[in-house]
Each structure stands twice: as C-alpha cells, then as structure tokens.
N, C-alpha and C. Protein backbone atom coordinates (compact mmCIF):
# COMPACT_ATOMS: atom_id res chain seq x y z
N MET A 1 0.66 -11.67 2.67
CA MET A 1 1.61 -10.56 2.54
C MET A 1 0.81 -9.23 2.13
N ALA A 2 1.06 -8.10 2.95
CA ALA A 2 0.30 -7.03 2.50
C ALA A 2 0.77 -5.55 2.87
N VAL A 3 0.47 -4.67 2.15
CA VAL A 3 0.83 -3.22 2.57
C VAL A 3 -0.70 -2.69 3.01
N LEU A 4 -0.76 -2.30 4.25
CA LEU A 4 -1.97 -1.93 4.71
C LEU A 4 -1.95 -0.73 5.67
N GLY A 5 -2.90 0.12 5.49
CA GLY A 5 -3.00 1.34 6.18
C GLY A 5 -2.64 2.74 5.77
N ARG A 6 -3.19 3.91 6.09
CA ARG A 6 -3.09 5.02 5.38
C ARG A 6 -1.75 5.50 5.39
N THR A 7 -1.16 5.97 4.57
CA THR A 7 0.25 6.57 4.15
C THR A 7 1.28 5.32 4.11
N SER A 8 0.52 4.28 3.77
CA SER A 8 1.69 3.04 3.54
C SER A 8 2.03 3.32 1.90
N ASP A 9 2.83 3.93 1.73
CA ASP A 9 3.01 4.38 0.12
C ASP A 9 4.46 3.99 0.00
N PHE A 10 4.84 3.81 -1.26
CA PHE A 10 6.25 3.65 -1.93
C PHE A 10 6.81 2.49 -1.38
N ASN A 11 6.01 1.19 -1.04
CA ASN A 11 6.75 -0.12 -0.60
C ASN A 11 6.98 -0.91 -1.72
N LEU A 12 7.80 -1.96 -1.57
CA LEU A 12 8.12 -2.96 -2.49
C LEU A 12 7.87 -4.27 -1.89
N ILE A 13 7.28 -5.14 -2.79
CA ILE A 13 6.95 -6.49 -2.41
C ILE A 13 7.60 -7.41 -3.69
N GLN A 14 8.65 -7.85 -3.43
CA GLN A 14 9.66 -8.42 -4.59
C GLN A 14 10.17 -9.75 -4.23
N GLY A 15 9.98 -10.64 -5.28
CA GLY A 15 10.78 -11.87 -5.32
C GLY A 15 10.31 -13.04 -4.28
N ASN A 16 9.07 -12.93 -4.05
CA ASN A 16 8.33 -13.76 -3.04
C ASN A 16 7.72 -15.10 -3.75
N LEU A 17 7.58 -16.28 -2.89
CA LEU A 17 7.04 -17.48 -3.34
C LEU A 17 5.92 -17.55 -2.41
N VAL A 18 4.65 -17.37 -2.65
CA VAL A 18 3.41 -17.65 -1.67
C VAL A 18 2.50 -18.60 -2.30
N THR A 19 2.38 -19.84 -1.41
CA THR A 19 1.61 -21.01 -1.90
C THR A 19 0.63 -21.29 -0.95
N ASP A 20 -0.62 -21.87 -1.45
CA ASP A 20 -1.65 -22.60 -0.69
C ASP A 20 -2.01 -21.87 0.45
N SER A 21 -2.43 -20.42 0.24
CA SER A 21 -2.69 -19.79 1.41
C SER A 21 -4.19 -20.30 1.97
N ALA A 22 -4.49 -19.92 3.04
CA ALA A 22 -5.80 -20.33 3.81
C ALA A 22 -6.49 -19.25 4.43
N SER A 23 -7.93 -19.17 4.33
CA SER A 23 -8.97 -18.24 4.91
C SER A 23 -8.62 -18.32 6.54
N ILE A 24 -8.56 -17.12 7.23
CA ILE A 24 -8.28 -17.02 8.57
C ILE A 24 -9.61 -16.60 9.27
N GLU A 25 -10.06 -17.27 10.22
CA GLU A 25 -11.29 -17.06 10.89
C GLU A 25 -10.90 -17.12 12.44
N ASN A 26 -11.49 -15.75 13.03
CA ASN A 26 -10.63 -15.39 14.50
C ASN A 26 -12.10 -14.90 15.04
N GLY A 27 -12.88 -15.37 15.54
CA GLY A 27 -14.29 -14.85 16.18
C GLY A 27 -14.89 -14.40 14.94
N ASP A 28 -15.45 -12.96 14.79
CA ASP A 28 -16.01 -12.30 13.81
C ASP A 28 -15.19 -11.83 12.91
N ILE A 29 -13.93 -11.81 12.60
CA ILE A 29 -13.06 -11.44 11.88
C ILE A 29 -12.69 -12.51 10.77
N ASN A 30 -12.85 -12.29 9.58
CA ASN A 30 -12.38 -13.31 8.60
C ASN A 30 -11.69 -12.89 7.46
N GLY A 31 -10.43 -13.14 7.60
CA GLY A 31 -9.66 -12.84 6.32
C GLY A 31 -9.98 -13.83 5.17
N VAL A 32 -10.00 -13.40 3.86
CA VAL A 32 -10.40 -14.23 2.68
C VAL A 32 -9.34 -14.88 2.21
N GLY A 33 -8.05 -14.89 2.81
CA GLY A 33 -6.79 -15.63 1.90
C GLY A 33 -6.22 -15.19 0.90
N GLU A 34 -6.22 -13.63 0.78
CA GLU A 34 -5.50 -13.08 -0.44
C GLU A 34 -4.14 -13.35 -0.22
N ASN A 35 -3.46 -13.26 -1.32
CA ASN A 35 -1.86 -13.43 -1.06
C ASN A 35 -1.03 -12.24 -0.98
N LEU A 36 -1.15 -11.41 -2.06
CA LEU A 36 -0.41 -10.04 -2.08
C LEU A 36 -1.54 -8.92 -2.17
N HIS A 37 -1.27 -8.15 -1.07
CA HIS A 37 -2.55 -7.29 -0.84
C HIS A 37 -2.09 -5.79 -0.61
N SER A 38 -2.68 -4.84 -1.40
CA SER A 38 -2.24 -3.43 -1.05
C SER A 38 -3.49 -2.68 -0.87
N ASN A 39 -3.78 -1.96 0.39
CA ASN A 39 -5.02 -1.44 0.51
C ASN A 39 -5.03 -0.36 1.72
N ALA A 40 -5.40 0.53 1.62
CA ALA A 40 -5.71 1.68 2.85
C ALA A 40 -6.49 1.25 3.68
N PHE A 41 -6.42 0.06 4.44
CA PHE A 41 -7.62 -0.09 5.21
C PHE A 41 -7.59 0.64 6.61
N SER A 42 -8.55 0.92 6.94
CA SER A 42 -8.91 1.60 8.24
C SER A 42 -9.97 1.16 8.82
N ASP A 43 -10.38 1.57 10.10
CA ASP A 43 -11.53 1.17 10.64
C ASP A 43 -12.68 1.50 9.72
N PRO A 44 -13.61 0.72 9.61
CA PRO A 44 -14.97 0.89 8.67
C PRO A 44 -15.62 2.25 9.34
N ALA A 45 -15.60 2.61 10.51
CA ALA A 45 -16.38 3.70 10.89
C ALA A 45 -15.67 5.32 10.65
N LEU A 46 -14.36 4.97 10.21
CA LEU A 46 -13.60 6.22 9.89
C LEU A 46 -13.92 6.84 8.58
N PRO A 47 -14.19 8.08 8.47
CA PRO A 47 -14.51 8.63 7.40
C PRO A 47 -13.71 8.13 6.10
N ASP A 48 -12.35 8.27 6.32
CA ASP A 48 -11.44 8.15 5.16
C ASP A 48 -11.06 6.74 4.85
N ARG A 49 -11.98 5.68 5.18
CA ARG A 49 -11.71 4.38 4.98
C ARG A 49 -11.66 4.08 3.53
N GLY A 50 -10.56 3.28 3.03
CA GLY A 50 -10.39 3.10 1.81
C GLY A 50 -9.48 4.43 0.91
N SER A 51 -9.29 5.39 1.62
CA SER A 51 -8.30 6.18 1.06
C SER A 51 -7.34 5.94 0.11
N SER A 52 -6.73 6.64 -0.81
CA SER A 52 -5.73 5.99 -1.70
C SER A 52 -4.25 5.86 -0.99
N LEU A 53 -3.74 4.71 -1.65
CA LEU A 53 -2.15 4.54 -1.26
C LEU A 53 -1.50 5.12 -2.61
N VAL A 54 -0.23 5.46 -2.45
CA VAL A 54 0.63 5.64 -3.69
C VAL A 54 1.77 4.97 -3.90
N GLY A 55 2.03 4.46 -5.15
CA GLY A 55 3.18 4.01 -5.57
C GLY A 55 3.81 2.83 -4.91
N ASN A 56 2.83 1.83 -4.34
CA ASN A 56 3.61 0.60 -3.93
C ASN A 56 3.87 -0.13 -5.21
N ARG A 57 4.74 -1.26 -5.02
CA ARG A 57 5.17 -2.03 -6.23
C ARG A 57 5.06 -3.63 -5.89
N ILE A 58 4.56 -4.42 -6.66
CA ILE A 58 4.51 -5.59 -6.48
C ILE A 58 5.27 -6.33 -7.76
N VAL A 59 6.41 -6.96 -7.68
CA VAL A 59 7.25 -7.04 -8.80
C VAL A 59 8.07 -8.61 -8.45
N ASN A 60 7.69 -9.33 -9.56
CA ASN A 60 8.50 -10.66 -9.60
C ASN A 60 8.32 -11.58 -8.61
N ASN A 61 6.78 -11.86 -8.10
CA ASN A 61 6.60 -12.87 -7.25
C ASN A 61 5.96 -14.04 -7.88
N THR A 62 5.76 -15.10 -7.33
CA THR A 62 4.89 -16.18 -7.83
C THR A 62 3.98 -16.60 -6.61
N VAL A 63 2.76 -16.59 -7.18
CA VAL A 63 1.54 -16.77 -6.36
C VAL A 63 0.78 -18.12 -6.71
N LEU A 64 0.64 -19.24 -5.96
CA LEU A 64 0.29 -20.55 -6.41
C LEU A 64 -0.93 -20.68 -5.47
N ASN A 65 -2.09 -21.36 -6.01
CA ASN A 65 -3.08 -21.94 -5.19
C ASN A 65 -3.49 -20.86 -4.07
N ALA A 66 -3.96 -19.63 -4.38
CA ALA A 66 -4.54 -19.06 -3.34
C ALA A 66 -5.77 -19.15 -2.88
N TYR A 67 -6.11 -19.22 -1.78
CA TYR A 67 -7.61 -19.38 -1.25
C TYR A 67 -8.49 -18.40 -2.00
N ALA A 68 -8.32 -17.16 -2.05
CA ALA A 68 -9.19 -16.31 -2.67
C ALA A 68 -8.31 -15.70 -3.95
N ASN A 69 -8.10 -14.30 -3.94
CA ASN A 69 -7.41 -13.74 -4.83
C ASN A 69 -5.93 -13.70 -4.69
N GLY A 70 -5.25 -13.66 -5.84
CA GLY A 70 -3.75 -13.61 -5.83
C GLY A 70 -3.09 -12.75 -5.48
N VAL A 71 -3.33 -11.48 -6.38
CA VAL A 71 -2.83 -9.94 -6.15
C VAL A 71 -3.98 -9.31 -6.01
N SER A 72 -4.08 -8.50 -5.12
CA SER A 72 -5.43 -7.55 -4.90
C SER A 72 -4.43 -6.30 -4.74
N ASN A 73 -4.89 -5.33 -5.53
CA ASN A 73 -4.49 -3.78 -5.53
C ASN A 73 -5.73 -2.90 -5.31
N LEU A 74 -6.04 -2.45 -4.22
CA LEU A 74 -7.32 -1.70 -3.66
C LEU A 74 -6.76 -0.34 -3.52
N ALA A 75 -7.14 0.51 -4.19
CA ALA A 75 -6.98 2.01 -3.77
C ALA A 75 -5.49 2.36 -3.82
N ASN A 76 -4.82 1.65 -4.68
CA ASN A 76 -3.24 1.86 -4.64
C ASN A 76 -3.08 2.76 -5.97
N THR A 77 -2.70 3.91 -5.92
CA THR A 77 -2.44 4.66 -7.16
C THR A 77 -1.18 4.73 -7.55
N GLN A 78 -0.79 4.94 -8.95
CA GLN A 78 0.63 4.76 -9.40
C GLN A 78 1.47 3.46 -8.83
N ALA A 79 0.68 2.52 -8.99
CA ALA A 79 1.22 1.24 -8.63
C ALA A 79 1.83 0.63 -9.68
N GLN A 80 2.92 -0.28 -9.43
CA GLN A 80 3.43 -1.06 -10.48
C GLN A 80 3.33 -2.58 -10.02
N ILE A 81 2.64 -3.36 -10.96
CA ILE A 81 2.74 -4.84 -10.90
C ILE A 81 3.17 -5.39 -12.11
N ILE A 82 4.65 -5.87 -11.78
CA ILE A 82 5.40 -6.23 -12.82
C ILE A 82 5.93 -7.78 -12.66
N GLY A 83 5.80 -8.42 -13.57
CA GLY A 83 6.77 -10.00 -13.63
C GLY A 83 6.19 -10.75 -12.71
N ASN A 84 5.10 -10.70 -12.19
CA ASN A 84 4.50 -11.74 -11.46
C ASN A 84 3.74 -12.99 -12.01
N LEU A 85 3.89 -14.15 -11.58
CA LEU A 85 3.37 -15.33 -11.87
C LEU A 85 1.96 -15.75 -10.81
N VAL A 86 0.78 -15.77 -11.32
CA VAL A 86 -0.25 -16.13 -10.58
C VAL A 86 -1.04 -17.08 -11.03
N ASP A 87 -1.26 -18.08 -10.66
CA ASP A 87 -1.85 -19.47 -11.03
C ASP A 87 -2.67 -20.16 -9.90
N GLY A 88 -3.68 -20.49 -10.24
CA GLY A 88 -4.83 -21.08 -9.25
C GLY A 88 -5.42 -20.61 -8.27
N SER A 89 -5.57 -19.12 -8.59
CA SER A 89 -6.46 -18.31 -7.29
C SER A 89 -7.69 -18.80 -7.23
N GLY A 90 -8.29 -18.92 -5.96
CA GLY A 90 -9.78 -19.04 -5.87
C GLY A 90 -9.89 -20.45 -5.43
N VAL A 91 -9.24 -21.15 -5.16
CA VAL A 91 -9.29 -22.81 -4.65
C VAL A 91 -10.14 -22.85 -3.38
N GLY A 92 -10.14 -21.79 -2.47
CA GLY A 92 -11.13 -21.91 -1.22
C GLY A 92 -12.11 -21.10 -1.44
N ASP A 93 -12.26 -20.05 -2.18
CA ASP A 93 -13.35 -19.00 -2.26
C ASP A 93 -13.51 -18.68 -3.58
N PRO A 94 -14.06 -19.40 -4.37
CA PRO A 94 -14.45 -19.25 -5.91
C PRO A 94 -14.79 -18.07 -6.47
N ALA A 95 -15.69 -17.36 -5.54
CA ALA A 95 -16.23 -15.97 -5.64
C ALA A 95 -15.22 -14.87 -5.78
N HIS A 96 -13.84 -15.04 -5.30
CA HIS A 96 -12.82 -14.21 -5.33
C HIS A 96 -11.50 -14.83 -5.95
N GLY A 97 -11.57 -15.71 -7.00
CA GLY A 97 -10.43 -16.34 -7.64
C GLY A 97 -9.95 -15.47 -8.75
N ILE A 98 -9.71 -14.27 -8.42
CA ILE A 98 -9.01 -13.50 -9.44
C ILE A 98 -7.36 -13.35 -9.36
N GLY A 99 -6.95 -13.64 -10.57
CA GLY A 99 -5.38 -13.65 -10.48
C GLY A 99 -4.72 -12.35 -10.08
N ILE A 100 -5.06 -11.19 -10.89
CA ILE A 100 -4.44 -9.97 -10.58
C ILE A 100 -5.80 -9.01 -10.76
N GLY A 101 -6.05 -8.32 -9.52
CA GLY A 101 -7.31 -7.48 -9.54
C GLY A 101 -7.05 -6.05 -9.15
N ILE A 102 -7.37 -4.94 -9.87
CA ILE A 102 -7.13 -3.56 -9.71
C ILE A 102 -8.66 -2.72 -9.53
N GLN A 103 -8.62 -2.18 -8.25
CA GLN A 103 -9.94 -1.52 -8.15
C GLN A 103 -9.81 -0.52 -7.03
N PRO A 104 -10.69 0.82 -7.27
CA PRO A 104 -10.79 1.72 -6.19
C PRO A 104 -11.32 1.32 -4.70
N ARG A 105 -11.54 2.31 -3.95
CA ARG A 105 -12.46 1.86 -2.83
C ARG A 105 -13.11 3.18 -2.56
N GLN A 106 -13.86 2.94 -1.40
CA GLN A 106 -14.81 4.10 -0.88
C GLN A 106 -14.35 5.46 -1.26
N ASN A 107 -13.13 5.88 -0.66
CA ASN A 107 -12.84 7.18 -0.79
C ASN A 107 -11.52 7.62 -1.60
N SER A 108 -11.05 6.49 -2.30
CA SER A 108 -9.90 6.58 -3.30
C SER A 108 -10.34 7.24 -4.69
N THR A 109 -9.33 7.50 -5.44
CA THR A 109 -9.91 8.11 -6.55
C THR A 109 -10.00 6.87 -7.71
N LEU A 110 -11.12 7.09 -8.58
CA LEU A 110 -11.25 6.09 -9.58
C LEU A 110 -10.12 5.91 -10.57
N HIS A 111 -9.56 6.85 -10.96
CA HIS A 111 -8.50 7.03 -11.90
C HIS A 111 -7.13 6.65 -10.95
N THR A 112 -6.53 5.36 -11.01
CA THR A 112 -5.47 4.84 -10.37
C THR A 112 -4.26 4.97 -11.05
N ASP A 113 -4.03 4.87 -12.25
CA ASP A 113 -2.84 5.21 -13.03
C ASP A 113 -1.72 4.33 -12.68
N ASP A 114 -2.20 3.10 -12.75
CA ASP A 114 -1.46 2.01 -12.55
C ASP A 114 -0.86 1.27 -13.70
N LEU A 115 0.49 0.74 -13.36
CA LEU A 115 1.12 -0.18 -14.55
C LEU A 115 1.05 -1.48 -14.48
N ILE A 116 0.51 -2.54 -15.03
CA ILE A 116 0.36 -3.89 -14.84
C ILE A 116 1.24 -4.39 -16.19
N GLU A 117 2.28 -5.02 -16.14
CA GLU A 117 3.24 -5.22 -17.11
C GLU A 117 3.76 -6.70 -16.83
N SER A 118 3.87 -7.37 -18.02
CA SER A 118 4.64 -8.60 -18.31
C SER A 118 4.38 -9.60 -16.88
N ASN A 119 3.23 -9.54 -16.60
CA ASN A 119 2.56 -10.62 -15.72
C ASN A 119 2.03 -11.83 -16.22
N THR A 120 2.08 -12.89 -15.67
CA THR A 120 1.39 -14.18 -16.12
C THR A 120 0.28 -14.86 -15.36
N THR A 121 -0.97 -15.10 -15.78
CA THR A 121 -1.83 -15.29 -14.75
C THR A 121 -2.81 -16.63 -15.67
N SER A 122 -2.65 -17.51 -14.92
CA SER A 122 -3.64 -18.77 -15.51
C SER A 122 -4.28 -19.57 -14.14
N GLY A 123 -5.21 -20.47 -14.89
CA GLY A 123 -5.94 -21.37 -13.91
C GLY A 123 -6.53 -20.83 -12.80
N ASN A 124 -6.81 -19.35 -12.99
CA ASN A 124 -7.35 -18.79 -11.85
C ASN A 124 -8.92 -18.95 -11.87
N VAL A 125 -9.98 -19.25 -11.06
CA VAL A 125 -11.29 -19.55 -10.96
C VAL A 125 -12.26 -18.44 -11.40
N VAL A 126 -11.98 -17.43 -11.66
CA VAL A 126 -12.66 -16.28 -12.02
C VAL A 126 -12.10 -15.57 -13.44
N TYR A 127 -11.04 -14.75 -13.14
CA TYR A 127 -10.48 -14.04 -14.15
C TYR A 127 -8.82 -13.99 -13.99
N GLY A 128 -8.29 -13.88 -15.16
CA GLY A 128 -6.95 -13.67 -14.92
C GLY A 128 -6.50 -12.32 -14.59
N LEU A 129 -6.86 -11.32 -15.34
CA LEU A 129 -6.82 -9.67 -14.84
C LEU A 129 -8.06 -9.29 -14.93
N GLN A 130 -8.28 -8.35 -13.69
CA GLN A 130 -9.74 -7.61 -13.83
C GLN A 130 -9.19 -6.27 -13.41
N ASP A 131 -9.97 -5.17 -14.25
CA ASP A 131 -9.66 -3.80 -13.92
C ASP A 131 -10.97 -3.11 -13.76
N LEU A 132 -11.20 -2.65 -12.36
CA LEU A 132 -12.38 -2.01 -12.00
C LEU A 132 -12.17 -0.58 -11.70
N ALA A 133 -10.90 0.05 -12.14
CA ALA A 133 -10.52 1.58 -11.91
C ALA A 133 -10.46 2.08 -13.33
N ASP A 134 -9.82 3.04 -13.58
CA ASP A 134 -9.53 3.96 -14.77
C ASP A 134 -8.19 4.26 -15.02
N GLY A 135 -7.66 4.57 -16.05
CA GLY A 135 -6.32 5.09 -16.20
C GLY A 135 -5.16 4.13 -16.30
N ASN A 136 -5.42 2.88 -16.12
CA ASN A 136 -4.29 1.87 -15.89
C ASN A 136 -3.70 1.37 -17.21
N ARG A 137 -2.59 0.97 -17.22
CA ARG A 137 -2.17 0.55 -18.44
C ARG A 137 -1.52 -1.00 -18.56
N TYR A 138 -2.19 -1.92 -19.14
CA TYR A 138 -2.03 -3.27 -19.10
C TYR A 138 -1.15 -3.56 -20.27
N ILE A 139 0.19 -3.87 -20.26
CA ILE A 139 1.09 -4.29 -21.25
C ILE A 139 1.71 -5.43 -21.30
N ASP A 140 1.72 -6.13 -22.27
CA ASP A 140 2.57 -7.32 -22.60
C ASP A 140 2.26 -8.37 -21.30
N ASN A 141 1.11 -8.51 -20.89
CA ASN A 141 0.75 -9.52 -19.79
C ASN A 141 0.27 -10.94 -20.58
N THR A 142 0.33 -12.05 -19.89
CA THR A 142 -0.15 -13.15 -20.55
C THR A 142 -1.41 -13.84 -19.57
N ALA A 143 -2.61 -13.76 -20.17
CA ALA A 143 -3.79 -14.55 -19.33
C ALA A 143 -4.40 -15.51 -20.06
N THR A 144 -4.22 -16.77 -19.62
CA THR A 144 -4.57 -17.79 -20.29
C THR A 144 -5.42 -19.04 -19.44
N GLY A 145 -6.30 -19.61 -19.97
CA GLY A 145 -6.80 -20.69 -19.15
C GLY A 145 -7.35 -20.28 -17.81
N ASN A 146 -8.18 -19.09 -17.49
CA ASN A 146 -8.73 -18.63 -16.30
C ASN A 146 -10.06 -19.06 -16.66
N GLY A 147 -10.88 -19.11 -15.39
CA GLY A 147 -12.29 -19.94 -15.47
C GLY A 147 -13.50 -19.31 -16.06
N VAL A 148 -13.47 -17.81 -15.89
CA VAL A 148 -14.68 -17.28 -16.44
C VAL A 148 -14.40 -16.36 -17.74
N ASP A 149 -13.14 -15.58 -17.40
CA ASP A 149 -12.42 -14.74 -18.67
C ASP A 149 -11.09 -14.45 -18.13
N ASP A 150 -10.21 -14.14 -19.35
CA ASP A 150 -8.91 -14.04 -19.05
C ASP A 150 -8.83 -12.44 -18.75
N LEU A 151 -9.47 -11.69 -19.38
CA LEU A 151 -9.37 -10.22 -18.85
C LEU A 151 -10.73 -9.76 -18.66
N ALA A 152 -10.99 -8.83 -17.77
CA ALA A 152 -12.18 -8.21 -17.62
C ALA A 152 -12.03 -6.90 -16.95
N ALA A 153 -13.09 -6.06 -17.60
CA ALA A 153 -12.92 -4.39 -17.23
C ALA A 153 -14.14 -4.05 -17.06
N GLY A 154 -14.31 -3.24 -16.29
CA GLY A 154 -15.58 -2.34 -15.81
C GLY A 154 -15.78 -1.19 -16.94
N ALA A 155 -15.30 -0.17 -16.46
CA ALA A 155 -15.59 1.17 -17.36
C ALA A 155 -14.95 1.43 -18.47
N CYS A 156 -13.76 0.44 -18.95
CA CYS A 156 -13.16 0.82 -20.35
C CYS A 156 -12.46 1.80 -20.34
N GLN A 157 -11.72 2.37 -19.26
CA GLN A 157 -11.05 3.52 -19.44
C GLN A 157 -9.48 3.19 -19.19
N SER A 158 -8.98 2.34 -19.24
CA SER A 158 -7.67 1.61 -19.27
C SER A 158 -7.05 1.35 -20.71
N ILE A 159 -5.68 1.27 -20.75
CA ILE A 159 -5.03 1.02 -22.05
C ILE A 159 -4.60 -0.38 -21.95
N TRP A 160 -5.11 -1.40 -23.09
CA TRP A 160 -4.74 -2.65 -23.09
C TRP A 160 -3.69 -2.87 -24.27
N LEU A 161 -2.68 -3.08 -24.08
CA LEU A 161 -1.58 -3.19 -25.43
C LEU A 161 -0.74 -4.48 -25.37
N GLY A 162 -0.80 -5.23 -26.36
CA GLY A 162 0.21 -6.29 -26.57
C GLY A 162 0.10 -7.35 -25.42
N ASN A 163 -1.21 -7.47 -25.06
CA ASN A 163 -1.50 -8.96 -24.06
C ASN A 163 -1.83 -9.88 -24.92
N THR A 164 -1.39 -11.20 -24.35
CA THR A 164 -1.94 -12.36 -24.82
C THR A 164 -3.00 -12.70 -23.90
N TYR A 165 -4.12 -13.29 -24.69
CA TYR A 165 -5.13 -13.81 -23.86
C TYR A 165 -6.24 -14.57 -24.79
N GLY A 166 -7.07 -15.59 -24.02
CA GLY A 166 -7.80 -16.29 -25.02
C GLY A 166 -9.54 -15.82 -24.71
N THR A 167 -9.79 -15.34 -23.73
CA THR A 167 -11.07 -14.75 -23.71
C THR A 167 -11.01 -13.40 -22.85
N ALA A 168 -12.07 -12.42 -23.23
CA ALA A 168 -12.39 -11.39 -22.55
C ALA A 168 -13.65 -10.69 -22.62
N ASP A 169 -14.14 -10.14 -21.30
CA ASP A 169 -15.44 -9.80 -21.10
C ASP A 169 -15.21 -8.01 -21.49
N ASN A 170 -14.01 -7.70 -21.55
CA ASN A 170 -13.71 -6.31 -22.19
C ASN A 170 -14.39 -5.93 -23.27
N PRO A 171 -15.20 -5.04 -23.50
CA PRO A 171 -15.57 -4.91 -24.91
C PRO A 171 -14.59 -3.58 -25.47
N CYS A 172 -13.58 -3.26 -24.60
CA CYS A 172 -12.79 -2.33 -25.18
C CYS A 172 -11.20 -2.90 -25.96
N ALA A 173 -11.43 -4.27 -25.35
CA ALA A 173 -9.89 -4.80 -25.80
C ALA A 173 -10.15 -5.42 -27.38
N THR A 174 -9.23 -5.36 -28.26
CA THR A 174 -9.35 -6.05 -29.69
C THR A 174 -8.49 -7.26 -29.46
N ALA A 175 -8.32 -8.09 -30.33
CA ALA A 175 -7.88 -9.41 -30.41
C ALA A 175 -6.31 -9.49 -29.67
N ASP A 176 -5.74 -8.20 -29.93
CA ASP A 176 -4.18 -8.21 -29.36
C ASP A 176 -4.26 -7.48 -28.22
N GLY A 177 -5.50 -7.04 -27.52
CA GLY A 177 -5.26 -6.33 -26.31
C GLY A 177 -4.95 -5.03 -26.20
N HIS A 178 -4.98 -4.50 -27.41
CA HIS A 178 -4.69 -3.00 -27.83
C HIS A 178 -5.75 -1.91 -27.64
N ARG A 179 -5.98 -1.13 -26.65
CA ARG A 179 -6.87 -0.17 -26.55
C ARG A 179 -6.10 1.22 -26.61
N VAL A 180 -6.50 2.10 -27.51
CA VAL A 180 -5.81 3.21 -27.92
C VAL A 180 -6.33 4.70 -26.86
N SER A 181 -7.79 4.49 -27.05
CA SER A 181 -8.30 5.57 -26.19
C SER A 181 -9.84 5.21 -25.94
N PRO A 182 -10.42 6.06 -24.97
CA PRO A 182 -11.81 5.52 -24.65
C PRO A 182 -12.74 5.77 -25.79
N PRO A 183 -13.85 5.15 -25.81
CA PRO A 183 -14.69 5.65 -27.10
C PRO A 183 -15.38 6.96 -26.74
N ALA A 184 -15.53 7.59 -27.87
CA ALA A 184 -16.23 9.14 -28.03
C ALA A 184 -17.49 9.17 -27.24
N THR A 185 -17.63 9.99 -26.42
CA THR A 185 -19.10 10.37 -25.86
C THR A 185 -19.80 11.29 -26.93
N SER A 186 -21.13 11.22 -26.67
CA SER A 186 -21.84 12.09 -27.60
C SER A 186 -21.27 13.63 -27.79
N ALA A 187 -20.97 14.26 -26.59
CA ALA A 187 -20.51 15.82 -26.34
C ALA A 187 -19.27 15.64 -27.41
N SER A 188 -18.13 14.82 -27.17
CA SER A 188 -16.96 15.14 -27.81
C SER A 188 -17.27 14.53 -29.38
N ALA A 189 -17.99 13.73 -29.56
CA ALA A 189 -18.34 13.55 -31.20
C ALA A 189 -18.95 14.73 -31.87
N ALA A 190 -19.97 15.41 -31.10
CA ALA A 190 -20.40 16.69 -31.53
C ALA A 190 -19.38 17.73 -31.73
N ALA A 191 -18.36 17.82 -31.03
CA ALA A 191 -17.29 18.81 -31.03
C ALA A 191 -16.46 18.65 -32.09
N VAL A 192 -16.42 17.28 -32.36
CA VAL A 192 -15.47 17.00 -33.53
C VAL A 192 -16.09 17.15 -35.04
N SER A 193 -17.38 17.00 -34.98
CA SER A 193 -18.00 17.32 -36.43
C SER A 193 -18.24 19.05 -36.54
N LEU A 194 -18.08 19.63 -35.54
CA LEU A 194 -18.32 21.21 -35.76
C LEU A 194 -17.21 21.64 -36.54
C-alpha cells in the first residue's frame, strides 16, 4: 500500500490491517515487500528523483510480519504517522526490518518536519523507530523488543519526547526519550560566551 509519485500530496492511509507481505520479483524489477510506503518515486534517470512529497498521513494502521520494512516514509515532509501498530517487520529481508523509518531521498529536503506520535513498534528485526532526517517530532511512542535497537537516529536533529523504549543508538535521547534541542556547535557556544 503506497503513496507514490511527484505531487502525491495530502493523502490519508487509515485503518488498514496489512499482514504477511511478500517480496515481488518481476524480471529485473524487485519490490522489497514494504507494507505502507510514501515516496516521490520517479524514473531514476530523471533529475528530480526523490523530490519531496508534502502532508501525507498514515494513521491507525496495523502492520504485521512485513517481508521488509513496516512503515517507510521517504522524502515525505510534514507527514503525520500516528497510532500505528507495527510488529515483526523484516521476516524475509532482515536488512530492511524497520518498524517505522523516516528518511530523505536524493533531491528532497533533509528537514522533513514530520510528526510520529502514539505508535507501537515491537519485534522488528532491526529498529523499532529510525530517524535519518532532521526536524521531526517523536512523541509518546512505544518501541520495545526490536532486534538491534528500539530507537535509532542519524544526525540527532529531531525531538524525542515521552517515548517508551528499551534500547537506543540515539545519543540524543535520554532515558525518557526527551530531547529538547540539538547540541550546541562550537560557533553557537562561542556566541553564548560573549
């Protein structure tokens, strides 16, 4: 189930049960078995491959035993991913076993400004929640029992508040998943000391 293509903005995927997805192989085309997917895919030869989508929402869905990732949010800015249950992602492709993943793509903005709230991720092969973009808000999510880590973040430029989790590779998250602001850079620290 996916929202794909440039200008595929302000769509809603809500109230679905998606289970036991499989990878699709058709000649040299291979689908990796992701369940709920939002991405501005266009032909790889086009210069705007991976341009940003805006405002798509994935709300109150249940995703069980995905072949690869459960909810994949690529280059979708101002997205809302709320109230979803994702369990057991990565059963066929362990390298892509992420419950809910947020990331930019080639031509999209790194600052996606997404809201990820009140989701539950467990039993996913790699991560429960993965943040590879900037400026997102992770609020009141529960991520437990995931294979590598419950929370994972790249550049540490998102807010983590009130989440429940067991393990994290996110150096910015404290025990309660609360992150107020990014670490000071040397330039900003110098400005404060003046």
